[in-house]
Amino acid sequence: MHTYVKALTKIASRYAPSRILSFELVHIFKTFQLLDKNEHISRVLLCQELALGEGSVRTLVKHLKMQNLVKSTNGGTRLTEKGKVLSSELLQSIPSEANMPRCSIALGKFNYMILLRKYGFAIKSGIEQRDAAIKIGAVGATTLLYKDRKFIMPGAYDNKNSLQKEPHVVNLLINKLKPEDDDVIIIGSDNKSLRTAEFGAKNAALFTIMDHETHREFAD
């Protein structure tokens, strides 16, 4: 099991049985992204970027501190050395992302695509990723597999290029995400908010990682 999977599980665990957490895995991941790009970040900015209330952000930061992943300074919250190592490993699994215009595979008013590195083997029908996106508030998600330089819909036994008639979409995906063989592209969609589309795609990717690692742990 990846080190970051264990850490994410602990961060997202309730320490007080009666208290329900008001943040999700995607908020943890977004926090690591923000801290990776900035030397430090304020609670106010975290509230804005995560679309969470002050109390939820305070609890999230507290959970990160309990795992010795962040520390508070006069300039704001920043990563510890342990946090930098874990963040780097986590971000390598989801290395690229971008806005995406509406097209045949991105049906929302707002669409956001992310790349999940080398997890093609963990994708079943794509319904699981769609449901994970809906859980976070998006209207859905589209999943594509990248194999033999082709973009394939999950469950397509003939391995036919699903975007054969849309070279402009192919070029967009390749130029923005730079996929490699066995990578997964997840496109989150929403009709009200680009942030929700983004969170939908990322929540679907995190679900894929966590679900696979959980099943593998039980198998071992």
C-alpha atoms as a PDB file:
ATOM      1  CA  MET A   1       0.000   0.000   0.000  1.00  0.00           C
ATOM      2  CA  HIS A   2       1.289   3.453  -0.901  1.00  0.00           C
ATOM      3  CA  THR A   3       2.455   5.513   2.068  1.00  0.00           C
ATOM      4  CA  TYR A   4       0.133   8.332   1.097  1.00  0.00           C
ATOM      5  CA  VAL A   5      -2.894   6.005   1.055  1.00  0.00           C
ATOM      6  CA  LYS A   6      -2.360   5.153   4.722  1.00  0.00           C
ATOM      7  CA  ALA A   7      -1.864   8.844   5.513  1.00  0.00           C
ATOM      8  CA  LEU A   8      -5.021   9.878   3.660  1.00  0.00           C
ATOM      9  CA  THR A   9      -6.995   7.224   5.517  1.00  0.00           C
ATOM     10  CA  LYS A  10      -5.755   8.530   8.877  1.00  0.00           C
ATOM     11  CA  ILE A  11      -6.387  12.183   7.982  1.00  0.00           C
ATOM     12  CA  ALA A  12      -9.938  11.375   6.906  1.00  0.00           C
ATOM     13  CA  SER A  13     -10.666   9.336  10.041  1.00  0.00           C
ATOM     14  CA  ARG A  14     -12.877  10.619  12.839  1.00  0.00           C
ATOM     15  CA  TYR A  15     -11.066  10.981  16.149  1.00  0.00           C
ATOM     16  CA  ALA A  16     -14.264  11.809  18.010  1.00  0.00           C
ATOM     17  CA  PRO A  17     -16.870   9.095  17.224  1.00  0.00           C
ATOM     18  CA  SER A  18     -19.774  11.503  17.567  1.00  0.00           C
ATOM     19  CA  ARG A  19     -18.374  14.116  15.219  1.00  0.00           C
ATOM     20  CA  ILE A  20     -18.947  13.762  11.482  1.00  0.00           C
ATOM     21  CA  LEU A  21     -16.149  15.194   9.344  1.00  0.00           C
ATOM     22  CA  SER A  22     -17.144  18.069   7.097  1.00  0.00           C
ATOM     23  CA  PHE A  23     -14.334  17.582   4.581  1.00  0.00           C
ATOM     24  CA  GLU A  24     -13.614  14.877   2.018  1.00  0.00           C
ATOM     25  CA  LEU A  25     -10.509  13.248   0.553  1.00  0.00           C
ATOM     26  CA  VAL A  26     -10.624  15.694  -2.346  1.00  0.00           C
ATOM     27  CA  HIS A  27     -10.232  18.611   0.081  1.00  0.00           C
ATOM     28  CA  ILE A  28      -7.139  16.957   1.541  1.00  0.00           C
ATOM     29  CA  PHE A  29      -5.680  16.467  -1.923  1.00  0.00           C
ATOM     30  CA  LYS A  30      -6.437  20.055  -2.944  1.00  0.00           C
ATOM     31  CA  THR A  31      -4.757  21.269   0.255  1.00  0.00           C
ATOM     32  CA  PHE A  32      -1.595  19.364  -0.656  1.00  0.00           C
ATOM     33  CA  GLN A  33      -1.714  20.895  -4.137  1.00  0.00           C
ATOM     34  CA  LEU A  34      -2.028  24.404  -2.724  1.00  0.00           C
ATOM     35  CA  LEU A  35       0.776  23.863  -0.207  1.00  0.00           C
ATOM     36  CA  ASP A  36       2.977  22.362  -2.909  1.00  0.00           C
ATOM     37  CA  LYS A  37       2.605  25.513  -5.026  1.00  0.00           C
ATOM     38  CA  ASN A  38       2.912  27.982  -2.153  1.00  0.00           C
ATOM     39  CA  GLU A  39       5.484  28.165   0.622  1.00  0.00           C
ATOM     40  CA  HIS A  40       2.632  28.814   3.033  1.00  0.00           C
ATOM     41  CA  ILE A  41      -1.090  29.451   2.819  1.00  0.00           C
ATOM     42  CA  SER A  42      -3.570  31.264   5.042  1.00  0.00           C
ATOM     43  CA  ARG A  43      -6.738  29.787   6.508  1.00  0.00           C
ATOM     44  CA  VAL A  44      -8.733  32.400   4.602  1.00  0.00           C
ATOM     45  CA  LEU A  45      -7.315  31.246   1.260  1.00  0.00           C
ATOM     46  CA  LEU A  46      -7.912  27.616   2.186  1.00  0.00           C
ATOM     47  CA  CYS A  47     -11.556  28.438   2.905  1.00  0.00           C
ATOM     48  CA  GLN A  48     -11.870  30.114  -0.500  1.00  0.00           C
ATOM     49  CA  GLU A  49     -10.096  27.421  -2.508  1.00  0.00           C
ATOM     50  CA  LEU A  50     -11.756  24.487  -0.766  1.00  0.00           C
ATOM     51  CA  ALA A  51     -15.201  26.097  -0.561  1.00  0.00           C
ATOM     52  CA  LEU A  52     -15.356  25.085   3.111  1.00  0.00           C
ATOM     53  CA  GLY A  53     -16.250  26.996   6.236  1.00  0.00           C
ATOM     54  CA  GLU A  54     -13.678  28.160   8.754  1.00  0.00           C
ATOM     55  CA  GLY A  55     -14.559  25.384  11.206  1.00  0.00           C
ATOM     56  CA  SER A  56     -14.112  22.666   8.562  1.00  0.00           C
ATOM     57  CA  VAL A  57     -10.747  24.067   7.481  1.00  0.00           C
ATOM     58  CA  ARG A  58      -9.631  24.302  11.097  1.00  0.00           C
ATOM     59  CA  THR A  59     -10.494  20.622  11.594  1.00  0.00           C
ATOM     60  CA  LEU A  60      -8.750  19.630   8.360  1.00  0.00           C
ATOM     61  CA  VAL A  61      -5.560  21.456   9.358  1.00  0.00           C
ATOM     62  CA  LYS A  62      -5.767  19.876  12.819  1.00  0.00           C
ATOM     63  CA  HIS A  63      -5.901  16.403  11.282  1.00  0.00           C
ATOM     64  CA  LEU A  64      -2.915  17.212   9.061  1.00  0.00           C
ATOM     65  CA  LYS A  65      -0.988  18.435  12.106  1.00  0.00           C
ATOM     66  CA  MET A  66      -1.808  15.238  14.011  1.00  0.00           C
ATOM     67  CA  GLN A  67       0.001  13.312  11.273  1.00  0.00           C
ATOM     68  CA  ASN A  68       2.921  15.796  11.394  1.00  0.00           C
ATOM     69  CA  LEU A  69       2.292  16.796   7.771  1.00  0.00           C
ATOM     70  CA  VAL A  70       1.833  20.556   8.266  1.00  0.00           C
ATOM     71  CA  LYS A  71       2.760  23.190  10.808  1.00  0.00           C
ATOM     72  CA  SER A  72       1.463  26.671  11.570  1.00  0.00           C
ATOM     73  CA  THR A  73       3.767  29.678  11.291  1.00  0.00           C
ATOM     74  CA  ASN A  74       3.312  33.453  11.346  1.00  0.00           C
ATOM     75  CA  GLY A  75       2.956  33.331   7.549  1.00  0.00           C
ATOM     76  CA  GLY A  76       0.290  30.611   7.598  1.00  0.00           C
ATOM     77  CA  THR A  77       0.160  26.838   7.225  1.00  0.00           C
ATOM     78  CA  ARG A  78       3.084  25.108   5.528  1.00  0.00           C
ATOM     79  CA  LEU A  79       4.256  21.567   4.856  1.00  0.00           C
ATOM     80  CA  THR A  80       6.672  19.798   7.176  1.00  0.00           C
ATOM     81  CA  GLU A  81       9.486  17.719   5.673  1.00  0.00           C
ATOM     82  CA  LYS A  82       7.328  14.625   6.136  1.00  0.00           C
ATOM     83  CA  GLY A  83       4.469  16.459   4.466  1.00  0.00           C
ATOM     84  CA  LYS A  84       6.643  17.410   1.488  1.00  0.00           C
ATOM     85  CA  VAL A  85       7.637  13.788   0.902  1.00  0.00           C
ATOM     86  CA  LEU A  86       4.073  12.514   1.139  1.00  0.00           C
ATOM     87  CA  SER A  87       2.720  15.366  -0.984  1.00  0.00           C
ATOM     88  CA  SER A  88       5.268  14.674  -3.718  1.00  0.00           C
ATOM     89  CA  GLU A  89       4.310  11.005  -3.847  1.00  0.00           C
ATOM     90  CA  LEU A  90       0.603  11.775  -3.933  1.00  0.00           C
ATOM     91  CA  LEU A  91       0.876  14.434  -6.625  1.00  0.00           C
ATOM     92  CA  GLN A  92       2.863  12.063  -8.845  1.00  0.00           C
ATOM     93  CA  SER A  93      -0.244   9.875  -9.091  1.00  0.00           C
ATOM     94  CA  ILE A  94      -2.318  12.795 -10.422  1.00  0.00           C
ATOM     95  CA  PRO A  95       0.346  14.815 -12.253  1.00  0.00           C
ATOM     96  CA  SER A  96      -1.618  16.925 -14.725  1.00  0.00           C
ATOM     97  CA  GLU A  97      -4.991  18.630 -15.076  1.00  0.00           C
ATOM     98  CA  ALA A  98      -6.741  21.313 -17.112  1.00  0.00           C
ATOM     99  CA  ASN A  99     -10.060  22.918 -17.988  1.00  0.00           C
ATOM    100  CA  MET A 100     -11.877  21.275 -20.873  1.00  0.00           C
ATOM    101  CA  PRO A 101     -14.469  22.721 -23.264  1.00  0.00           C
ATOM    102  CA  ARG A 102     -17.775  20.990 -23.803  1.00  0.00           C
ATOM    103  CA  CYS A 103     -17.572  18.183 -26.351  1.00  0.00           C
ATOM    104  CA  SER A 104     -18.910  14.674 -26.937  1.00  0.00           C
ATOM    105  CA  ILE A 105     -17.218  13.328 -23.787  1.00  0.00           C
ATOM    106  CA  ALA A 106     -17.530  16.457 -21.632  1.00  0.00           C
ATOM    107  CA  LEU A 107     -21.198  17.262 -21.403  1.00  0.00           C
ATOM    108  CA  GLY A 108     -21.395  19.834 -18.635  1.00  0.00           C
ATOM    109  CA  LYS A 109     -21.306  23.603 -18.881  1.00  0.00           C
ATOM    110  CA  PHE A 110     -18.077  23.345 -16.875  1.00  0.00           C
ATOM    111  CA  ASN A 111     -15.633  20.490 -17.404  1.00  0.00           C
ATOM    112  CA  TYR A 112     -12.294  19.626 -15.825  1.00  0.00           C
ATOM    113  CA  MET A 113      -9.926  16.844 -16.835  1.00  0.00           C
ATOM    114  CA  ILE A 114      -7.268  15.133 -14.757  1.00  0.00           C
ATOM    115  CA  LEU A 115      -4.773  12.373 -15.458  1.00  0.00           C
ATOM    116  CA  LEU A 116      -4.408   9.385 -13.121  1.00  0.00           C
ATOM    117  CA  ARG A 117      -1.028   7.796 -13.711  1.00  0.00           C
ATOM    118  CA  LYS A 118      -0.814   4.042 -14.457  1.00  0.00           C
ATOM    119  CA  TYR A 119      -4.176   3.051 -12.991  1.00  0.00           C
ATOM    120  CA  GLY A 120      -5.821   1.700 -16.135  1.00  0.00           C
ATOM    121  CA  PHE A 121      -5.854  -1.776 -14.616  1.00  0.00           C
ATOM    122  CA  ALA A 122      -8.078  -0.543 -11.752  1.00  0.00           C
ATOM    123  CA  ILE A 123     -10.886   0.772 -13.965  1.00  0.00           C
ATOM    124  CA  LYS A 124     -13.958  -1.412 -14.431  1.00  0.00           C
ATOM    125  CA  SER A 125     -16.950   0.173 -16.139  1.00  0.00           C
ATOM    126  CA  GLY A 126     -16.370   3.834 -15.325  1.00  0.00           C
ATOM    127  CA  ILE A 127     -19.634   3.936 -13.382  1.00  0.00           C
ATOM    128  CA  GLU A 128     -17.683   3.902 -10.127  1.00  0.00           C
ATOM    129  CA  GLN A 129     -15.849   7.077 -11.123  1.00  0.00           C
ATOM    130  CA  ARG A 130     -19.094   8.720 -12.213  1.00  0.00           C
ATOM    131  CA  ASP A 131     -20.683   7.930  -8.851  1.00  0.00           C
ATOM    132  CA  ALA A 132     -17.649   9.289  -6.958  1.00  0.00           C
ATOM    133  CA  ALA A 133     -17.970  12.560  -8.879  1.00  0.00           C
ATOM    134  CA  ILE A 134     -21.693  12.767  -8.150  1.00  0.00           C
ATOM    135  CA  LYS A 135     -21.016  12.144  -4.450  1.00  0.00           C
ATOM    136  CA  ILE A 136     -18.989  15.356  -4.245  1.00  0.00           C
ATOM    137  CA  GLY A 137     -21.716  17.353  -6.011  1.00  0.00           C
ATOM    138  CA  ALA A 138     -20.773  17.180  -9.716  1.00  0.00           C
ATOM    139  CA  VAL A 139     -23.276  16.048 -12.313  1.00  0.00           C
ATOM    140  CA  GLY A 140     -20.988  13.203 -13.382  1.00  0.00           C
ATOM    141  CA  ALA A 141     -17.670  12.108 -14.821  1.00  0.00           C
ATOM    142  CA  THR A 142     -16.391  10.483 -18.001  1.00  0.00           C
ATOM    143  CA  THR A 143     -13.532   7.988 -17.822  1.00  0.00           C
ATOM    144  CA  LEU A 144     -11.121   7.144 -20.631  1.00  0.00           C
ATOM    145  CA  LEU A 145      -8.236   4.673 -20.777  1.00  0.00           C
ATOM    146  CA  TYR A 146      -5.103   5.456 -22.769  1.00  0.00           C
ATOM    147  CA  LYS A 147      -3.689   2.325 -24.415  1.00  0.00           C
ATOM    148  CA  ASP A 148      -1.560   1.898 -27.503  1.00  0.00           C
ATOM    149  CA  ARG A 149      -1.929   5.617 -28.260  1.00  0.00           C
ATOM    150  CA  LYS A 150      -5.712   5.346 -28.271  1.00  0.00           C
ATOM    151  CA  PHE A 151      -8.387   6.698 -25.943  1.00  0.00           C
ATOM    152  CA  ILE A 152     -10.743   3.865 -25.048  1.00  0.00           C
ATOM    153  CA  MET A 153     -13.978   3.828 -23.094  1.00  0.00           C
ATOM    154  CA  PRO A 154     -13.971   1.290 -20.223  1.00  0.00           C
ATOM    155  CA  GLY A 155     -15.609  -1.972 -21.243  1.00  0.00           C
ATOM    156  CA  ALA A 156     -14.858  -1.554 -24.964  1.00  0.00           C
ATOM    157  CA  TYR A 157     -13.661  -5.078 -25.732  1.00  0.00           C
ATOM    158  CA  ASP A 158     -12.628  -4.240 -29.265  1.00  0.00           C
ATOM    159  CA  ASN A 159     -10.179  -1.559 -27.962  1.00  0.00           C
ATOM    160  CA  LYS A 160     -11.586   0.819 -30.527  1.00  0.00           C
ATOM    161  CA  ASN A 161     -10.446   4.416 -30.389  1.00  0.00           C
ATOM    162  CA  SER A 162     -13.448   6.215 -28.888  1.00  0.00           C
ATOM    163  CA  LEU A 163     -12.238   9.556 -30.246  1.00  0.00           C
ATOM    164  CA  GLN A 164     -11.326   8.439 -33.749  1.00  0.00           C
ATOM    165  CA  LYS A 165     -13.633  11.030 -35.315  1.00  0.00           C
ATOM    166  CA  GLU A 166     -12.600  13.846 -32.984  1.00  0.00           C
ATOM    167  CA  PRO A 167      -8.912  14.583 -33.566  1.00  0.00           C
ATOM    168  CA  HIS A 168      -9.240  18.022 -31.932  1.00  0.00           C
ATOM    169  CA  VAL A 169     -10.255  16.380 -28.646  1.00  0.00           C
ATOM    170  CA  VAL A 170      -7.382  13.890 -28.961  1.00  0.00           C
ATOM    171  CA  ASN A 171      -4.903  16.718 -29.492  1.00  0.00           C
ATOM    172  CA  LEU A 172      -6.301  18.604 -26.507  1.00  0.00           C
ATOM    173  CA  LEU A 173      -5.970  15.593 -24.210  1.00  0.00           C
ATOM    174  CA  ILE A 174      -2.452  14.789 -25.380  1.00  0.00           C
ATOM    175  CA  ASN A 175      -1.167  18.361 -25.276  1.00  0.00           C
ATOM    176  CA  LYS A 176      -2.662  19.210 -21.888  1.00  0.00           C
ATOM    177  CA  LEU A 177      -2.291  15.918 -20.004  1.00  0.00           C
ATOM    178  CA  LYS A 178       0.575  14.131 -21.814  1.00  0.00           C
ATOM    179  CA  PRO A 179      -0.765  10.615 -21.136  1.00  0.00           C
ATOM    180  CA  GLU A 180       1.304   7.442 -21.151  1.00  0.00           C
ATOM    181  CA  ASP A 181       0.218   3.863 -21.738  1.00  0.00           C
ATOM    182  CA  ASP A 182      -2.188   2.562 -19.058  1.00  0.00           C
ATOM    183  CA  ASP A 183      -3.011   6.062 -17.782  1.00  0.00           C
ATOM    184  CA  VAL A 184      -6.571   7.098 -16.950  1.00  0.00           C
ATOM    185  CA  ILE A 185      -8.256  10.361 -17.931  1.00  0.00           C
ATOM    186  CA  ILE A 186     -11.207  11.442 -15.829  1.00  0.00           C
ATOM    187  CA  ILE A 187     -13.365  14.398 -16.884  1.00  0.00           C
ATOM    188  CA  GLY A 188     -15.574  15.863 -14.182  1.00  0.00           C
ATOM    189  CA  SER A 189     -18.615  17.830 -15.343  1.00  0.00           C
ATOM    190  CA  ASP A 190     -20.964  20.287 -13.687  1.00  0.00           C
ATOM    191  CA  ASN A 191     -23.456  22.882 -14.867  1.00  0.00           C
ATOM    192  CA  LYS A 192     -22.934  25.465 -12.119  1.00  0.00           C
ATOM    193  CA  SER A 193     -19.285  25.530 -11.067  1.00  0.00           C
ATOM    194  CA  LEU A 194     -15.860  24.784 -12.504  1.00  0.00           C
ATOM    195  CA  ARG A 195     -14.600  24.045  -8.992  1.00  0.00           C
ATOM    196  CA  THR A 196     -17.263  21.368  -8.574  1.00  0.00           C
ATOM    197  CA  ALA A 197     -16.284  19.836 -11.915  1.00  0.00           C
ATOM    198  CA  GLU A 198     -12.651  19.856 -10.755  1.00  0.00           C
ATOM    199  CA  PHE A 199     -13.511  18.281  -7.405  1.00  0.00           C
ATOM    200  CA  GLY A 200     -15.657  15.689  -9.173  1.00  0.00           C
ATOM    201  CA  ALA A 201     -12.766  14.553 -11.361  1.00  0.00           C
ATOM    202  CA  LYS A 202     -10.302  14.492  -8.477  1.00  0.00           C
ATOM    203  CA  ASN A 203     -12.680  12.703  -6.134  1.00  0.00           C
ATOM    204  CA  ALA A 204     -13.183  10.036  -8.804  1.00  0.00           C
ATOM    205  CA  ALA A 205      -9.407   9.612  -9.130  1.00  0.00           C
ATOM    206  CA  LEU A 206      -8.907   9.397  -5.364  1.00  0.00           C
ATOM    207  CA  PHE A 207     -11.739   6.878  -5.102  1.00  0.00           C
ATOM    208  CA  THR A 208      -9.999   4.732  -7.736  1.00  0.00           C
ATOM    209  CA  ILE A 209      -6.712   4.799  -5.828  1.00  0.00           C
ATOM    210  CA  MET A 210      -8.223   4.136  -2.416  1.00  0.00           C
ATOM    211  CA  ASP A 211     -10.613   1.438  -3.639  1.00  0.00           C
ATOM    212  CA  HIS A 212      -7.847  -0.476  -5.401  1.00  0.00           C
ATOM    213  CA  GLU A 213      -5.458  -0.277  -2.450  1.00  0.00           C
ATOM    214  CA  THR A 214      -8.183  -1.373  -0.019  1.00  0.00           C
ATOM    215  CA  HIS A 215      -9.025  -4.424  -2.123  1.00  0.00           C
ATOM    216  CA  ARG A 216      -5.358  -5.271  -2.517  1.00  0.00           C
ATOM    217  CA  GLU A 217      -4.813  -5.049   1.244  1.00  0.00           C
ATOM    218  CA  PHE A 218      -7.670  -7.465   1.901  1.00  0.00           C
ATOM    219  CA  ALA A 219      -6.352  -9.818  -0.799  1.00  0.00           C
ATOM    220  CA  ASP A 220      -2.917  -9.867   0.830  1.00  0.00           C
END
